[in-house]
Protein backbone atom coordinates (compact mmCIF):
# COMPACT_ATOMS: atom_id res chain seq x y z
CA UNK A 1 196.40 8.59 87.20
CA UNK A 2 199.09 9.48 84.89
CA UNK A 3 200.03 7.48 82.12
CA UNK A 4 203.68 7.47 80.70
CA UNK A 5 205.72 5.22 78.31
CA UNK A 6 209.39 4.68 78.31
CA UNK A 7 211.95 3.12 76.73
CA UNK A 8 214.41 0.04 78.21
CA UNK A 9 217.37 1.24 76.40
CA UNK A 10 219.24 -1.47 77.75
CA UNK A 11 216.85 -4.47 76.52
CA UNK A 12 217.88 -2.97 72.73
CA UNK A 13 218.54 -5.96 70.31
CA UNK A 14 221.02 -5.77 67.63
CA UNK A 15 218.72 -3.81 65.16
CA UNK A 16 218.63 -1.05 67.87
CA UNK A 17 215.01 -1.70 68.55
CA UNK A 18 214.12 -1.56 72.71
CA UNK A 19 211.07 -2.03 74.40
CA UNK A 20 208.51 0.31 75.63
CA UNK A 21 207.09 0.22 78.98
CA UNK A 22 203.92 1.44 80.40
CA UNK A 23 204.04 3.11 83.83
CA UNK A 24 201.05 4.21 85.99
CA UNK A 25 201.57 6.28 88.85
CA UNK A 26 198.59 7.30 91.34
CA UNK A 27 198.88 8.49 95.03
CA UNK A 28 202.56 7.93 94.94
CA UNK A 29 202.39 4.59 93.84
CA UNK A 30 204.05 3.08 90.43
CA UNK A 31 202.80 -0.08 88.61
CA UNK A 32 204.55 -0.50 85.21
CA UNK A 33 204.76 -3.63 82.43
CA UNK A 34 206.04 -4.31 79.13
CA UNK A 35 203.40 -3.16 76.10
CA UNK A 36 205.34 -5.62 74.14
CA UNK A 37 205.91 -3.21 71.34
CA UNK A 38 209.54 -2.38 70.57
CA UNK A 39 210.50 1.11 68.77
CA UNK A 40 213.89 2.14 67.48
CA UNK A 41 215.98 3.87 69.95
CA UNK A 42 216.70 6.62 67.46
CA UNK A 43 213.05 7.31 66.88
CA UNK A 44 211.42 7.36 70.35
CA UNK A 45 210.53 10.57 71.43
CA UNK A 46 210.01 10.62 75.55
CA UNK A 47 208.81 14.26 75.77
CA UNK A 48 205.84 13.44 72.85
CA UNK A 49 205.36 10.07 73.98
CA UNK A 50 205.64 9.11 70.27
CA UNK A 51 207.49 7.29 67.58
CA UNK A 52 209.23 9.95 65.44
CA UNK A 53 208.29 9.38 61.76
CA UNK A 54 205.22 8.89 59.39
CA UNK A 55 206.12 5.72 58.03
CA UNK A 56 204.17 2.74 58.42
CA UNK A 57 206.13 1.27 61.66
CA UNK A 58 205.79 4.58 63.71
CA UNK A 59 202.07 5.08 62.60
CA UNK A 60 201.27 1.45 64.04
CA UNK A 61 203.43 1.98 67.38
CA UNK A 62 201.40 5.10 68.02
CA UNK A 63 198.14 3.83 67.11
CA UNK A 64 198.82 0.78 69.90
CA UNK A 65 200.31 3.37 72.01
CA UNK A 66 196.93 5.49 71.90
CA UNK A 67 194.74 2.45 72.52
CA UNK A 68 196.68 1.40 75.45
CA UNK A 69 196.20 4.74 77.06
CA UNK A 70 192.58 5.08 76.00
CA UNK A 71 192.09 1.68 77.84
CA UNK A 72 193.70 2.36 80.74
CA UNK A 73 191.77 5.56 81.16
CA UNK A 74 188.61 3.83 80.37
CA UNK A 75 189.19 1.03 83.05
CA UNK A 76 190.06 4.06 85.44
CA UNK A 77 186.66 5.87 84.53
CA UNK A 78 184.77 2.37 84.80
CA UNK A 79 186.14 1.38 88.53
CA UNK A 80 185.62 4.73 89.67
CA UNK A 81 181.99 4.58 88.61
CA UNK A 82 181.39 1.19 90.35
CA UNK A 83 182.81 1.32 93.57
CA UNK A 84 185.00 4.24 93.72
CA UNK A 85 187.96 2.84 95.24
CA UNK A 86 190.85 2.54 92.61
CA UNK A 87 194.13 1.18 92.84
CA UNK A 88 197.01 0.17 90.24
CA UNK A 89 196.13 -3.71 90.48
CA UNK A 90 192.81 -3.40 90.01
CA UNK A 91 192.86 -0.70 87.04
CA UNK A 92 195.43 -3.27 85.42
CA UNK A 93 193.54 -6.26 86.29
CA UNK A 94 190.41 -4.59 84.19
CA UNK A 95 192.81 -3.47 81.36
CA UNK A 96 193.81 -6.90 80.91
CA UNK A 97 190.25 -8.42 80.84
CA UNK A 98 189.64 -5.73 78.13
CA UNK A 99 192.95 -6.69 76.19
CA UNK A 100 191.56 -10.39 76.04
CA UNK A 101 190.00 -10.44 72.69
CA UNK A 102 192.54 -8.08 71.22
CA UNK A 103 194.98 -10.83 69.76
CA UNK A 104 198.06 -10.30 67.92
CA UNK A 105 197.54 -11.07 64.08
CA UNK A 106 200.83 -13.10 64.84
CA UNK A 107 199.31 -14.80 67.38
CA UNK A 108 196.25 -15.59 65.25
CA UNK A 109 198.44 -16.91 62.58
CA UNK A 110 199.77 -19.43 64.78
CA UNK A 111 196.12 -20.74 65.86
CA UNK A 112 194.76 -20.74 62.33
CA UNK A 113 197.77 -22.95 61.04
CA UNK A 114 197.33 -25.30 64.48
CA UNK A 115 193.87 -25.61 64.21
CA UNK A 116 193.37 -26.18 60.48
CA UNK A 117 196.47 -28.96 60.71
CA UNK A 118 195.19 -30.48 63.36
CA UNK A 119 191.69 -30.91 61.84
CA UNK A 120 192.89 -31.99 58.62
CA UNK A 121 191.12 -29.18 57.44
CA UNK A 122 194.34 -28.79 54.69
CA UNK A 123 193.75 -29.96 51.40
CA UNK A 124 196.65 -31.99 50.08
CA UNK A 125 200.01 -30.23 49.21
CA UNK A 126 198.55 -26.90 50.17
CA UNK A 127 199.71 -26.24 53.89
CA UNK A 128 202.94 -25.69 52.75
CA UNK A 129 201.64 -22.79 50.15
CA UNK A 130 199.13 -21.15 53.04
CA UNK A 131 202.57 -21.03 55.52
CA UNK A 132 204.73 -19.05 52.60
CA UNK A 133 201.84 -16.57 52.21
CA UNK A 134 201.46 -15.99 55.70
CA UNK A 135 205.07 -15.94 56.30
CA UNK A 136 205.33 -12.78 53.68
CA UNK A 137 203.00 -10.89 55.84
CA UNK A 138 204.99 -11.75 58.90
CA UNK A 139 208.34 -11.11 57.54
CA UNK A 140 207.20 -7.72 56.53
CA UNK A 141 206.02 -6.88 59.83
CA UNK A 142 209.23 -8.18 61.53
CA UNK A 143 211.31 -5.85 59.24
CA UNK A 144 208.92 -3.05 60.18
CA UNK A 145 209.70 -3.72 64.06
CA UNK A 146 206.16 -4.82 64.77
CA UNK A 147 206.65 -7.90 66.76
CA UNK A 148 202.87 -7.88 68.22
CA UNK A 149 200.27 -6.46 65.81
CA UNK A 150 196.69 -5.84 67.25
CA UNK A 151 194.47 -6.97 65.00
CA UNK A 152 192.42 -3.27 65.48
CA UNK A 153 195.60 -1.58 64.06
CA UNK A 154 195.40 -3.73 60.81
CA UNK A 155 194.77 -0.83 58.47
CA UNK A 156 194.34 -0.72 54.58
CA UNK A 157 197.21 1.59 54.50
CA UNK A 158 199.50 -1.21 55.91
CA UNK A 159 198.41 -3.37 53.21
CA UNK A 160 199.45 -1.32 50.45
CA UNK A 161 203.09 -0.88 52.51
CA UNK A 162 203.30 -4.33 52.18
CA UNK A 163 202.59 -4.33 48.45
CA UNK A 164 205.62 -1.94 48.35
CA UNK A 165 207.66 -4.34 50.28
CA UNK A 166 206.67 -7.47 48.18
CA UNK A 167 207.52 -5.08 44.95
CA UNK A 168 211.49 -4.34 46.64
CA UNK A 169 211.46 -8.22 47.49
CA UNK A 170 210.83 -8.95 43.67
CA UNK A 171 207.84 -10.99 44.40
CA UNK A 172 204.97 -10.58 41.49
CA UNK A 173 201.85 -8.85 42.11
CA UNK A 174 199.86 -11.98 41.48
CA UNK A 175 201.91 -14.07 44.82
CA UNK A 176 201.67 -10.43 46.97
CA UNK A 177 197.87 -10.51 45.99
CA UNK A 178 197.39 -14.18 47.16
CA UNK A 179 199.28 -13.05 50.14
CA UNK A 180 196.87 -10.43 51.02
CA UNK A 181 193.98 -13.17 50.53
CA UNK A 182 195.49 -14.66 52.98
CA UNK A 183 195.47 -12.18 55.61
CA UNK A 184 191.16 -12.14 55.25
CA UNK A 185 191.35 -15.81 55.00
CA UNK A 186 192.93 -16.01 58.72
CA UNK A 187 190.64 -13.48 59.95
CA UNK A 188 187.83 -14.88 58.82
CA UNK A 189 188.60 -18.09 60.22
CA UNK A 190 189.25 -16.61 63.44
CA UNK A 191 186.10 -14.54 63.94
CA UNK A 192 183.98 -17.83 63.08
CA UNK A 193 185.57 -19.82 65.61
CA UNK A 194 185.11 -16.90 68.33
CA UNK A 195 188.83 -16.44 68.71
CA UNK A 196 188.12 -12.44 67.89
CA UNK A 197 185.15 -10.73 67.54
CA UNK A 198 185.15 -8.49 64.90
CA UNK A 199 187.35 -8.02 61.33
CA UNK A 200 188.61 -4.83 60.57
CA UNK A 201 187.49 -3.22 57.13
CA UNK A 202 190.39 -3.80 54.76
CA UNK A 203 189.61 -1.77 51.13
CA UNK A 204 192.64 -3.23 49.54
CA UNK A 205 192.75 -2.87 45.90
CA UNK A 206 195.99 -3.76 44.02
CA UNK A 207 198.00 -0.92 42.72
CA UNK A 208 199.31 -1.85 39.49
CA UNK A 209 203.11 -1.99 39.20
CA UNK A 210 204.54 -0.77 35.86
CA UNK A 211 206.92 -2.55 34.19
CA UNK A 212 210.47 -2.15 35.09
CA UNK A 213 213.74 -1.96 33.07
CA UNK A 214 216.01 -4.67 33.85
CA UNK A 215 219.44 -3.50 35.18
CA UNK A 216 222.12 -5.51 34.49
CA UNK A 217 225.97 -5.34 33.88
CA UNK A 218 226.75 -6.06 30.18
CA UNK A 219 229.65 -8.70 29.48
CA UNK A 220 232.04 -5.66 28.96
CA UNK A 221 231.11 -3.73 32.39
CA UNK A 222 231.57 -7.49 34.03
CA UNK A 223 235.19 -7.52 32.68
CA UNK A 224 235.74 -4.08 33.79
CA UNK A 225 234.45 -4.76 36.96
CA UNK A 226 236.40 -8.01 37.31
CA UNK A 227 239.49 -6.13 36.41
CA UNK A 228 238.81 -3.04 38.91
CA UNK A 229 241.53 -2.22 41.54
CA UNK A 230 240.36 -1.58 45.09
CA UNK A 231 241.73 0.19 48.01
CA UNK A 232 240.46 -1.65 51.13
CA UNK A 233 239.67 -5.37 52.24
CA UNK A 234 235.76 -4.08 52.65
CA UNK A 235 235.96 -3.37 48.74
CA UNK A 236 238.05 -6.58 47.90
CA UNK A 237 235.22 -8.56 49.69
CA UNK A 238 232.30 -6.25 48.16
CA UNK A 239 233.95 -7.07 44.68
CA UNK A 240 234.26 -10.76 45.11
CA UNK A 241 231.05 -11.45 46.53
CA UNK A 242 229.17 -9.44 43.92
CA UNK A 243 231.45 -11.54 41.03
CA UNK A 244 230.31 -14.65 43.23
CA UNK A 245 226.80 -13.59 42.64
CA UNK A 246 227.31 -13.13 38.93
CA UNK A 247 228.83 -16.22 38.27
CA UNK A 248 226.10 -17.90 40.61
CA UNK A 249 223.09 -16.32 40.18
CA UNK A 250 222.68 -16.42 44.12
CA UNK A 251 220.86 -13.93 45.94
CA UNK A 252 222.96 -12.08 48.82
CA UNK A 253 221.43 -13.97 51.81
CA UNK A 254 221.69 -17.23 50.23
CA UNK A 255 225.36 -16.58 49.11
CA UNK A 256 225.86 -15.23 53.07
CA UNK A 257 224.29 -18.78 54.11
CA UNK A 258 226.58 -20.97 51.33
CA UNK A 259 228.89 -23.52 52.85
CA UNK A 260 231.32 -25.77 50.60
CA UNK A 261 229.23 -28.65 51.52
CA UNK A 262 226.70 -27.53 49.17
CA UNK A 263 229.13 -28.12 46.47
CA UNK A 264 227.78 -31.79 44.90
CA UNK A 265 229.18 -33.93 41.88
CA UNK A 266 227.02 -34.81 39.41
CA UNK A 267 228.95 -37.21 36.76
CA UNK A 268 232.05 -35.93 38.18
CA UNK A 269 230.80 -32.38 37.75
CA UNK A 270 230.65 -29.70 40.25
CA UNK A 271 227.39 -28.11 40.99
CA UNK A 272 226.00 -25.93 43.92
CA UNK A 273 222.51 -27.18 45.35
CA UNK A 274 220.61 -25.31 48.13
CA UNK A 275 217.52 -23.72 49.22
CA UNK A 276 216.66 -20.26 48.61
CA UNK A 277 216.01 -18.65 52.07
CA UNK A 278 213.32 -16.45 50.78
CA UNK A 279 211.64 -18.98 48.98
CA UNK A 280 212.93 -22.70 50.63
CA UNK A 281 213.19 -23.70 46.93
CA UNK A 282 215.90 -25.98 45.77
CA UNK A 283 217.97 -24.63 43.17
CA UNK A 284 221.15 -26.15 40.95
CA UNK A 285 223.61 -24.60 39.58
CA UNK A 286 227.18 -25.92 37.90
CA UNK A 287 229.65 -24.32 39.58
CA UNK A 288 231.67 -22.46 36.78
CA UNK A 289 235.19 -21.76 36.90
CA UNK A 290 235.06 -18.27 37.31
CA UNK A 291 232.97 -19.03 40.89
CA UNK A 292 235.34 -22.01 41.89
CA UNK A 293 238.55 -19.37 41.41
CA UNK A 294 236.65 -16.92 43.75
CA UNK A 295 236.20 -19.76 46.23
CA UNK A 296 239.53 -21.00 46.19
CA UNK A 297 240.59 -17.66 46.75
CA UNK A 298 239.30 -16.82 50.04
CA UNK A 299 240.20 -20.56 51.41
CA UNK A 300 237.12 -22.27 50.41
CA UNK A 301 234.40 -19.99 51.80
CA UNK A 302 233.07 -16.64 50.99
CA UNK A 303 233.70 -13.07 52.52
CA UNK A 304 230.77 -11.66 54.88
CA UNK A 305 229.48 -8.10 54.78
CA UNK A 306 226.33 -6.69 56.02
CA UNK A 307 223.50 -6.09 53.06
CA UNK A 308 223.55 -2.43 53.75
CA UNK A 309 227.28 -2.41 53.91
CA UNK A 310 227.54 -4.21 50.90
CA UNK A 311 225.47 -2.11 48.68
CA UNK A 312 226.98 1.12 50.07
CA UNK A 313 230.50 0.04 48.73
CA UNK A 314 228.85 -1.25 45.28
CA UNK A 315 227.53 1.95 44.99
CA UNK A 316 231.19 3.35 45.00
CA UNK A 317 232.52 0.45 42.87
CA UNK A 318 229.58 1.04 40.12
CA UNK A 319 230.74 4.63 39.77
CA UNK A 320 234.00 3.86 38.89
CA UNK A 321 233.34 1.42 36.46
CA UNK A 322 230.51 4.01 34.90
CA UNK A 323 227.66 2.17 35.54
CA UNK A 324 224.58 4.45 35.25
CA UNK A 325 222.20 3.76 37.97
CA UNK A 326 222.53 2.18 41.47
CA UNK A 327 224.89 -0.77 41.69
CA UNK A 328 223.47 -3.42 44.15
CA UNK A 329 223.21 -7.19 45.15
CA UNK A 330 220.29 -7.71 43.23
CA UNK A 331 221.91 -6.24 40.19
CA UNK A 332 224.23 -9.22 40.28
CA UNK A 333 221.36 -11.79 39.96
CA UNK A 334 219.80 -10.28 37.24
CA UNK A 335 223.03 -9.81 35.52
CA UNK A 336 223.38 -13.51 35.84
CA UNK A 337 219.58 -14.13 34.69
CA UNK A 338 220.42 -11.61 31.45
CA UNK A 339 224.07 -13.36 30.46
CA UNK A 340 222.67 -16.87 30.66
CA UNK A 341 219.47 -15.99 28.46
CA UNK A 342 221.70 -14.28 26.10
CA UNK A 343 224.10 -17.11 25.98
CA UNK A 344 221.18 -19.21 24.42
CA UNK A 345 219.94 -20.88 27.81
CA UNK A 346 216.66 -21.54 27.95
CA UNK A 347 213.92 -19.72 30.14
CA UNK A 348 212.70 -22.99 32.18
CA UNK A 349 216.70 -23.73 32.70
CA UNK A 350 217.36 -20.02 33.95
CA UNK A 351 214.30 -20.21 36.34
CA UNK A 352 215.53 -23.35 37.96
CA UNK A 353 219.26 -22.12 37.98
CA UNK A 354 217.74 -19.12 39.74
CA UNK A 355 215.49 -21.02 42.33
CA UNK A 356 212.63 -18.50 40.94
CA UNK A 357 209.84 -20.74 41.19
CA UNK A 358 207.79 -20.77 44.27
CA UNK A 359 205.28 -22.43 45.85
CA UNK A 360 202.54 -21.05 44.07
CA UNK A 361 203.50 -22.25 40.85
CA UNK A 362 202.98 -25.56 39.92
CA UNK A 363 206.11 -27.67 39.91
CA UNK A 364 205.37 -29.65 36.64
CA UNK A 365 208.14 -27.62 35.23
CA UNK A 366 210.69 -28.85 37.90
CA UNK A 367 210.01 -32.39 37.16
CA UNK A 368 210.53 -31.99 33.28
CA UNK A 369 214.28 -30.05 33.70
CA UNK A 370 216.44 -33.25 35.09
CA UNK A 371 220.13 -32.54 36.33
CA UNK A 372 221.56 -33.94 33.07
CA UNK A 373 219.67 -31.50 31.04
CA UNK A 374 220.80 -28.51 33.07
CA UNK A 375 224.44 -29.43 33.05
CA UNK A 376 224.23 -29.88 29.24
CA UNK A 377 222.28 -26.80 28.55
CA UNK A 378 224.93 -24.62 30.66
CA UNK A 379 228.17 -26.59 29.40
CA UNK A 380 229.42 -24.19 26.81
CA UNK A 381 229.28 -21.15 29.81
CA UNK A 382 232.05 -23.19 31.27
CA UNK A 383 233.81 -23.43 28.13
CA UNK A 384 233.82 -19.64 27.21
CA UNK A 385 235.01 -18.90 30.80
């Protein structure tokens, strides 16, 4: 029997990932089906039967393919020993029976949440926190193109890659560590209920992250950036979108999700009230004059750019104003926070303005910070505009 993996390129998604299929050939007959694994089209090597690269995504894909091939050959050998009559249908049947206990981690998470919810095992107010922690790792897997992570392929190395990803997403080490503990909690829960037979050995110890220097634009650099002349429409979009982030503290994705309906009136003053996509936390920020002017310029909407394209243009614009380092969307958010703090806004208020608080932190602080307080503490910023 010959085992071959091939890629269905015409089924690729918008990110350039296409599904991999396994094809069995025996005595002139063929049988094929989806492996439920996707690989970047640019990285698939048909001759080598592997995904190119040494990153976590490539390693995981190749490990899963090796496991599938080994189990198929094992199924063929077992049938030979038992009755000697081999057919592709029997091989697949035997293979799928062996696969029953090899659940994907994504499905285990769904079962974990379903069982605990239906059984009332969640303590009050903890279900949402658990879902956030689980969602962090699932988002990481999705970002790596891993749509069906088999439990045996969950390795310690992947947890360190997850920690690096969390660091880039600006999660604190405490939040990251709790998300990783949640992985073990899900696995133990499912093993105790017979959903899986074994738990992979995960020897994770958090890597300490050295303190990073906060990169931001000074007020002089903000002014130079604002006065910068641009040559193309995309540069104009990038410039205005970056300034919007500076004046509102919004993250890139929240800015892309913004609608004029998110502007509310509080005591006859305009403010933006939204939920952060990253944490689902509500943030509230007064609509300062600079931001309102940008909104009017774009007919009460914001320009649209991909994150990658946005950052690419920002790097060029940053060089033109003499900014040292790489100018990115994150710099805009840090610039907003630094500007507010330097102008006397209390740290607690800044946290609320940015929507920085997540479900792992008590909401007691939120209760103490009223809308009136935010308007009062930030009034001088509007006057300075």
